[in-house]
Amino acid sequence: MSVQDLKGKLRQELIGYGINVIYLTLVFGAFTMYRRLLLAAHDISYANYGVALIEALILGKPVFDATAPRIRVLGRRISNGWANIETLWAGIGDSLYGFRVYPIRPLLDVMEAQLWMRRFDFDVEAAVRLVWRGVRPINIPAPVKYFRPEEGGVSHFNYVRDNALLSWMHTRLFLGFLVRLPQLIVRRLRGGRKVILER
């Protein structure tokens, strides 16, 4: 292969590389803008979202309006009360609200150690177990509106199945809380976020 052929091949490679860089920059920029718009729709600034990069658990804290069914709000209070007991009031504002950002590595570690938390119980158990591991929860208010069925509102919550699942989950978590209680108390007194092992 001659020097001229090598120069031509290098030129072609650099052009291909440049095209890939431009393409990926445009795709990443579009994704970043889309993410900002999604968060802005829930009155969350992009700066808050970036906190997940420092291993925080971003939790949407629902701000209900008059459309929220009373039974749902009361049910949330019960589950949130249990989640707060199970974490010694470490700051989980709402354990059921699915609008959240998880730190990936700690979440994967939690999921790999569990047989459960694959259905409706996922959000609550993930939040509690991440707090046990020392991940800091950050609550961001997010407005919630319940739509009536004639407005297109649909609920996938099954009162019997999902309440049974939540009851079983809180039983397991409370037993785990009792085992971790001395460590949680020490961490609370020290004001730190020391990891409490899952296994």
Protein backbone atom coordinates (compact mmCIF):
# COMPACT_ATOMS: atom_id res chain seq x y z
CA MET A 1 0.00 0.00 0.00
CA SER A 2 1.44 3.34 -1.04
CA VAL A 3 1.62 6.50 1.06
CA GLN A 4 -1.02 8.06 -1.20
CA ASP A 5 -3.39 5.12 -0.54
CA LEU A 6 -2.77 5.41 3.23
CA LYS A 7 -3.52 9.15 3.10
CA GLY A 8 -6.73 8.47 1.18
CA LYS A 9 -7.79 5.77 3.66
CA LEU A 10 -6.96 8.03 6.63
CA ARG A 11 -8.95 10.85 5.04
CA GLN A 12 -11.95 8.55 4.54
CA GLU A 13 -11.70 7.30 8.15
CA LEU A 14 -11.53 10.87 9.49
CA ILE A 15 -14.54 11.91 7.42
CA GLY A 16 -16.48 8.91 8.73
CA TYR A 17 -15.39 9.70 12.27
CA GLY A 18 -16.45 13.34 11.86
CA ILE A 19 -19.86 12.34 10.55
CA ASN A 20 -20.35 10.00 13.51
CA VAL A 21 -19.33 12.74 15.97
CA ILE A 22 -21.77 15.21 14.41
CA TYR A 23 -24.56 12.61 14.34
CA LEU A 24 -24.04 11.57 17.98
CA THR A 25 -23.81 15.20 19.09
CA LEU A 26 -27.14 15.97 17.41
CA VAL A 27 -28.82 12.85 18.86
CA PHE A 28 -27.48 13.52 22.36
CA GLY A 29 -28.48 17.19 22.11
CA ALA A 30 -32.01 16.24 20.98
CA PHE A 31 -32.28 13.70 23.82
CA THR A 32 -31.09 16.26 26.37
CA MET A 33 -33.62 18.81 25.11
CA TYR A 34 -36.41 16.20 25.18
CA ARG A 35 -35.48 15.28 28.76
CA ARG A 36 -35.52 18.94 29.79
CA LEU A 37 -38.96 19.43 28.23
CA LEU A 38 -40.32 16.33 29.98
CA LEU A 39 -39.06 17.52 33.34
CA ALA A 40 -40.30 21.07 32.73
CA ALA A 41 -43.79 19.65 32.14
CA HIS A 42 -43.67 18.52 35.78
CA ASP A 43 -42.19 21.83 37.04
CA ILE A 44 -38.79 20.23 37.71
CA SER A 45 -35.69 22.13 36.73
CA TYR A 46 -32.94 20.32 34.87
CA ALA A 47 -30.46 21.22 37.63
CA ASN A 48 -32.39 19.03 40.11
CA TYR A 49 -32.29 16.10 37.70
CA GLY A 50 -28.50 16.25 37.51
CA VAL A 51 -28.26 15.41 41.22
CA ALA A 52 -28.81 11.75 40.30
CA LEU A 53 -25.25 11.79 39.01
CA ILE A 54 -24.08 12.06 42.62
CA GLU A 55 -25.90 8.91 43.66
CA ALA A 56 -29.08 10.51 44.97
CA LEU A 57 -32.60 9.12 44.70
CA ILE A 58 -34.83 11.75 43.12
CA LEU A 59 -38.41 11.26 44.27
CA GLY A 60 -41.38 13.12 42.88
CA LYS A 61 -43.57 14.24 45.76
CA PRO A 62 -47.14 14.49 44.48
CA VAL A 63 -49.09 17.67 45.02
CA PHE A 64 -52.69 16.54 44.70
CA ASP A 65 -55.52 18.77 43.56
CA ALA A 66 -59.26 18.29 44.15
CA THR A 67 -59.43 15.51 41.53
CA ALA A 68 -57.50 13.04 43.73
CA PRO A 69 -59.78 10.28 45.10
CA ARG A 70 -59.80 10.37 48.90
CA ILE A 71 -59.25 6.58 49.18
CA ARG A 72 -56.05 6.89 47.09
CA VAL A 73 -54.69 9.73 49.20
CA LEU A 74 -55.43 7.82 52.43
CA GLY A 75 -53.88 4.63 51.04
CA ARG A 76 -50.74 6.56 50.14
CA ARG A 77 -50.50 7.94 53.66
CA ILE A 78 -50.56 4.40 55.07
CA SER A 79 -47.86 3.13 52.72
CA ASN A 80 -45.77 6.29 53.20
CA GLY A 81 -46.08 5.91 56.96
CA TRP A 82 -44.72 2.38 56.78
CA ALA A 83 -41.88 3.45 54.45
CA ASN A 84 -40.93 6.21 56.88
CA ILE A 85 -40.91 3.80 59.81
CA GLU A 86 -38.83 1.30 57.81
CA THR A 87 -36.20 3.99 57.11
CA LEU A 88 -36.39 5.81 60.45
CA TRP A 89 -37.79 8.90 58.71
CA ALA A 90 -34.82 9.28 56.38
CA GLY A 91 -36.75 11.54 54.00
CA ILE A 92 -38.89 9.50 51.60
CA GLY A 93 -41.63 12.03 50.83
CA ASP A 94 -43.81 9.65 48.82
CA SER A 95 -42.96 5.99 48.40
CA LEU A 96 -45.59 5.18 45.76
CA TYR A 97 -45.19 7.97 43.24
CA GLY A 98 -43.50 6.53 40.18
CA PHE A 99 -42.04 9.80 38.92
CA ARG A 100 -38.44 9.34 40.05
CA VAL A 101 -34.83 9.01 38.97
CA TYR A 102 -32.77 6.14 40.36
CA PRO A 103 -29.00 5.95 40.67
CA ILE A 104 -28.37 2.98 38.39
CA ARG A 105 -25.55 1.03 40.09
CA PRO A 106 -27.09 1.01 43.60
CA LEU A 107 -30.49 0.11 42.11
CA LEU A 108 -29.03 -2.81 40.16
CA ASP A 109 -27.27 -4.01 43.31
CA VAL A 110 -30.58 -3.89 45.22
CA MET A 111 -32.48 -5.69 42.45
CA GLU A 112 -29.86 -8.42 42.09
CA ALA A 113 -30.15 -9.16 45.82
CA GLN A 114 -33.97 -9.46 45.77
CA LEU A 115 -36.41 -12.04 44.48
CA TRP A 116 -39.30 -9.62 44.88
CA MET A 117 -39.94 -6.02 43.84
CA ARG A 118 -40.85 -6.82 40.24
CA ARG A 119 -44.43 -5.52 40.18
CA PHE A 120 -46.45 -2.83 41.95
CA ASP A 121 -44.17 -3.13 44.97
CA PHE A 122 -41.10 -2.04 42.98
CA ASP A 123 -41.09 1.71 43.67
CA VAL A 124 -41.65 1.44 47.41
CA GLU A 125 -39.17 -1.37 48.01
CA ALA A 126 -36.54 0.21 45.77
CA ALA A 127 -36.77 3.51 47.68
CA VAL A 128 -36.58 1.85 51.12
CA ARG A 129 -33.70 -0.45 50.20
CA LEU A 130 -31.73 2.36 48.54
CA VAL A 131 -32.12 4.49 51.68
CA TRP A 132 -30.91 1.50 53.73
CA ARG A 133 -27.83 1.50 51.51
CA GLY A 134 -27.18 5.13 52.29
CA VAL A 135 -28.54 6.71 49.10
CA ARG A 136 -29.86 10.19 49.85
CA PRO A 137 -33.51 10.83 48.90
CA ILE A 138 -34.33 14.20 47.36
CA ASN A 139 -38.03 15.10 47.11
CA ILE A 140 -39.22 17.34 44.29
CA PRO A 141 -42.85 18.52 44.31
CA ALA A 142 -44.79 17.49 41.21
CA PRO A 143 -48.45 18.37 40.56
CA VAL A 144 -50.85 15.45 40.07
CA LYS A 145 -54.23 15.48 38.36
CA TYR A 146 -56.54 12.49 38.28
CA PHE A 147 -58.58 12.29 35.11
CA ARG A 148 -62.13 10.91 35.20
CA PRO A 149 -62.83 7.91 32.94
CA GLU A 150 -64.74 10.11 30.47
CA GLU A 151 -61.60 12.29 30.23
CA GLY A 152 -59.48 9.26 29.37
CA GLY A 153 -58.32 8.46 32.91
CA VAL A 154 -57.37 4.83 33.46
CA SER A 155 -56.17 3.15 36.65
CA HIS A 156 -54.22 -0.09 36.53
CA PHE A 157 -54.34 -0.45 40.32
CA ASN A 158 -56.04 -3.70 41.38
CA TYR A 159 -57.30 -3.17 44.93
CA VAL A 160 -57.08 -6.80 46.04
CA ARG A 161 -53.92 -7.96 44.28
CA ASP A 162 -51.88 -4.77 44.71
CA ASN A 163 -52.88 -4.19 48.35
CA ALA A 164 -51.96 -7.81 49.14
CA LEU A 165 -48.63 -7.27 47.38
CA LEU A 166 -47.99 -4.05 49.32
CA SER A 167 -48.92 -5.72 52.62
CA TRP A 168 -46.51 -8.62 51.97
CA MET A 169 -43.80 -6.15 50.93
CA HIS A 170 -44.19 -3.98 54.04
CA THR A 171 -44.11 -7.12 56.22
CA ARG A 172 -40.78 -8.12 54.63
CA LEU A 173 -39.42 -4.59 54.86
CA PHE A 174 -40.47 -4.21 58.49
CA LEU A 175 -38.68 -7.45 59.39
CA GLY A 176 -35.63 -6.15 57.52
CA PHE A 177 -35.98 -2.87 59.39
CA LEU A 178 -35.90 -4.67 62.74
CA VAL A 179 -32.67 -6.43 61.75
CA ARG A 180 -31.12 -3.12 60.57
CA LEU A 181 -32.53 -0.98 63.40
CA PRO A 182 -29.28 -0.73 65.42
CA GLN A 183 -27.37 0.35 62.31
CA LEU A 184 -30.10 2.81 61.32
CA ILE A 185 -30.05 4.37 64.80
CA VAL A 186 -26.26 4.71 64.78
CA ARG A 187 -26.33 6.24 61.30
CA ARG A 188 -29.10 8.61 62.35
CA LEU A 189 -27.19 9.72 65.47
CA ARG A 190 -24.02 10.29 63.47
CA GLY A 191 -25.93 12.09 60.75
CA GLY A 192 -24.17 10.05 58.09
CA ARG A 193 -25.22 7.85 55.23
CA LYS A 194 -23.21 4.69 55.97
CA VAL A 195 -24.22 1.73 53.84
CA ILE A 196 -26.26 -0.95 55.56
CA LEU A 197 -25.67 -4.23 53.75
CA GLU A 198 -28.59 -5.98 52.09
CA ARG A 199 -27.38 -9.55 52.29
